[in-house]
C-alpha atoms as a PDB file:
ATOM      1  CA  MET A   1      12.274  -8.593   0.496  1.00  0.00           C
ATOM      2  CA  PRO A   2       9.795  -5.892   1.124  1.00  0.00           C
ATOM      3  CA  ALA A   3       6.056  -6.705   1.671  1.00  0.00           C
ATOM      4  CA  VAL A   4       3.618  -3.903   0.543  1.00  0.00           C
ATOM      5  CA  MET A   5      -0.140  -3.945   1.905  1.00  0.00           C
ATOM      6  CA  LEU A   6      -2.855  -1.759   0.173  1.00  0.00           C
ATOM      7  CA  LEU A   7      -5.672  -1.049   2.303  1.00  0.00           C
ATOM      8  CA  THR A   8      -8.867  -0.376   0.369  1.00  0.00           C
ATOM      9  CA  LYS A   9     -12.660  -0.608   0.477  1.00  0.00           C
ATOM     10  CA  PRO A  10     -15.145  -1.123  -2.491  1.00  0.00           C
ATOM     11  CA  GLY A  11     -16.457   2.123  -4.249  1.00  0.00           C
ATOM     12  CA  CYS A  12     -13.401   4.150  -3.014  1.00  0.00           C
ATOM     13  CA  HIS A  13     -12.391   6.132  -6.121  1.00  0.00           C
ATOM     14  CA  LEU A  14      -8.954   6.919  -4.392  1.00  0.00           C
ATOM     15  CA  CYS A  15      -8.239   3.341  -3.924  1.00  0.00           C
ATOM     16  CA  ASP A  16      -8.982   2.814  -7.649  1.00  0.00           C
ATOM     17  CA  ASP A  17      -6.596   5.408  -8.547  1.00  0.00           C
ATOM     18  CA  ALA A  18      -3.795   4.347  -6.078  1.00  0.00           C
ATOM     19  CA  ARG A  19      -3.992   0.508  -7.087  1.00  0.00           C
ATOM     20  CA  PRO A  20      -2.357   0.935 -10.525  1.00  0.00           C
ATOM     21  CA  ILE A  21       0.259   2.847  -9.024  1.00  0.00           C
ATOM     22  CA  VAL A  22       1.062   0.412  -6.522  1.00  0.00           C
ATOM     23  CA  GLU A  23       0.991  -2.684  -8.598  1.00  0.00           C
ATOM     24  CA  ARG A  24       3.296  -0.848 -11.010  1.00  0.00           C
ATOM     25  CA  VAL A  25       6.069   0.289  -8.375  1.00  0.00           C
ATOM     26  CA  VAL A  26       5.890  -3.421  -6.912  1.00  0.00           C
ATOM     27  CA  ALA A  27       6.275  -4.806 -10.209  1.00  0.00           C
ATOM     28  CA  ALA A  28       9.339  -3.095 -10.690  1.00  0.00           C
ATOM     29  CA  HIS A  29      10.659  -4.641  -7.558  1.00  0.00           C
ATOM     30  CA  PRO A  30      11.153  -8.330  -7.943  1.00  0.00           C
ATOM     31  CA  GLY A  31      10.487 -10.408  -4.702  1.00  0.00           C
ATOM     32  CA  THR A  32       8.462  -7.498  -3.446  1.00  0.00           C
ATOM     33  CA  THR A  33       4.993  -9.078  -2.268  1.00  0.00           C
ATOM     34  CA  LEU A  34       1.561  -7.110  -2.548  1.00  0.00           C
ATOM     35  CA  GLU A  35      -1.458  -7.853  -0.733  1.00  0.00           C
ATOM     36  CA  GLU A  36      -4.747  -5.986  -0.974  1.00  0.00           C
ATOM     37  CA  ARG A  37      -7.195  -6.119   1.960  1.00  0.00           C
ATOM     38  CA  SER A  38     -10.452  -4.676   2.215  1.00  0.00           C
ATOM     39  CA  ILE A  39     -10.970  -2.482   5.510  1.00  0.00           C
ATOM     40  CA  LEU A  40     -14.805  -3.716   5.547  1.00  0.00           C
ATOM     41  CA  ASP A  41     -13.392  -7.365   6.047  1.00  0.00           C
ATOM     42  CA  ASP A  42     -11.599  -6.439   9.558  1.00  0.00           C
ATOM     43  CA  ASP A  43     -13.262  -4.473  12.347  1.00  0.00           C
ATOM     44  CA  ASP A  44      -9.648  -3.348  13.522  1.00  0.00           C
ATOM     45  CA  LEU A  45      -8.842  -2.029  10.080  1.00  0.00           C
ATOM     46  CA  ARG A  46     -11.983  -0.402   9.713  1.00  0.00           C
ATOM     47  CA  THR A  47     -11.702   1.445  13.033  1.00  0.00           C
ATOM     48  CA  GLU A  48      -8.242   2.387  12.234  1.00  0.00           C
ATOM     49  CA  TYR A  49      -8.109   3.430   8.938  1.00  0.00           C
ATOM     50  CA  ALA A  50     -11.778   4.444   8.127  1.00  0.00           C
ATOM     51  CA  GLU A  51     -10.918   8.142   7.135  1.00  0.00           C
ATOM     52  CA  ASP A  52      -7.454   7.175   5.545  1.00  0.00           C
ATOM     53  CA  ILE A  53      -7.871   4.845   2.828  1.00  0.00           C
ATOM     54  CA  PRO A  54      -6.205   4.072   0.520  1.00  0.00           C
ATOM     55  CA  VAL A  55      -3.466   3.151   2.861  1.00  0.00           C
ATOM     56  CA  VAL A  56      -0.236   1.525   1.809  1.00  0.00           C
ATOM     57  CA  LEU A  57       1.792  -0.424   4.303  1.00  0.00           C
ATOM     58  CA  VAL A  58       5.669  -1.197   3.495  1.00  0.00           C
ATOM     59  CA  ASP A  59       6.553  -4.066   5.882  1.00  0.00           C
ATOM     60  CA  GLY A  60       3.741  -3.284   8.296  1.00  0.00           C
ATOM     61  CA  ARG A  61       4.319   0.367   8.448  1.00  0.00           C
ATOM     62  CA  VAL A  62       2.199   3.069   7.206  1.00  0.00           C
ATOM     63  CA  HIS A  63       3.954   4.471   4.130  1.00  0.00           C
ATOM     64  CA  SER A  64       1.079   6.652   2.684  1.00  0.00           C
ATOM     65  CA  ASN A  65      -2.735   7.539   2.731  1.00  0.00           C
ATOM     66  CA  TRP A  66      -5.073   8.934   0.321  1.00  0.00           C
ATOM     67  CA  HIS A  67      -2.671   9.169  -2.560  1.00  0.00           C
ATOM     68  CA  VAL A  68       0.427   7.426  -3.705  1.00  0.00           C
ATOM     69  CA  ASP A  69       3.398   9.188  -5.102  1.00  0.00           C
ATOM     70  CA  ALA A  70       5.106   6.411  -7.066  1.00  0.00           C
ATOM     71  CA  ASP A  71       8.538   7.780  -6.937  1.00  0.00           C
ATOM     72  CA  ARG A  72       8.299   7.865  -3.031  1.00  0.00           C
ATOM     73  CA  LEU A  73       6.944   4.481  -2.794  1.00  0.00           C
ATOM     74  CA  ALA A  74       9.834   3.052  -5.154  1.00  0.00           C
ATOM     75  CA  ARG A  75      12.494   4.794  -2.854  1.00  0.00           C
ATOM     76  CA  ALA A  76      11.090   3.376   0.033  1.00  0.00           C
ATOM     77  CA  LEU A  77      11.293  -0.100  -1.288  1.00  0.00           C
ATOM     78  CA  GLU A  78      14.878   0.475  -2.642  1.00  0.00           C
ATOM     79  CA  GLN A  79      15.812   1.428   1.036  1.00  0.00           C
ATOM     80  CA  THR A  80      14.051  -1.564   2.486  1.00  0.00           C
ATOM     81  CA  GLU A  81      15.955  -3.930  -0.009  1.00  0.00           C
ATOM     82  CA  ALA A  82      18.969  -2.272   0.719  1.00  0.00           C
ATOM     83  CA  ARG A  83      18.727  -3.027   4.560  1.00  0.00           C
ATOM     84  CA  ALA A  84      17.956  -6.690   3.811  1.00  0.00           C
END
């Protein structure tokens, strides 16, 4: 099943906008896991993604940044599920 990671940081309004979209799409795909991590808790993540948050990763690969398109994320999860 797909694994989704949402990279955020406190006080990020785009992150606050993305969170419910990601949660809704993940909830519609049973078995998909969701983890949210703050880039402030990891120096490597902070260095790599400081200007790109929020970042959505699907199975460890960058799917989107700044804005989340619910339909596009749902299609990516469906494609990942089909390959499993």
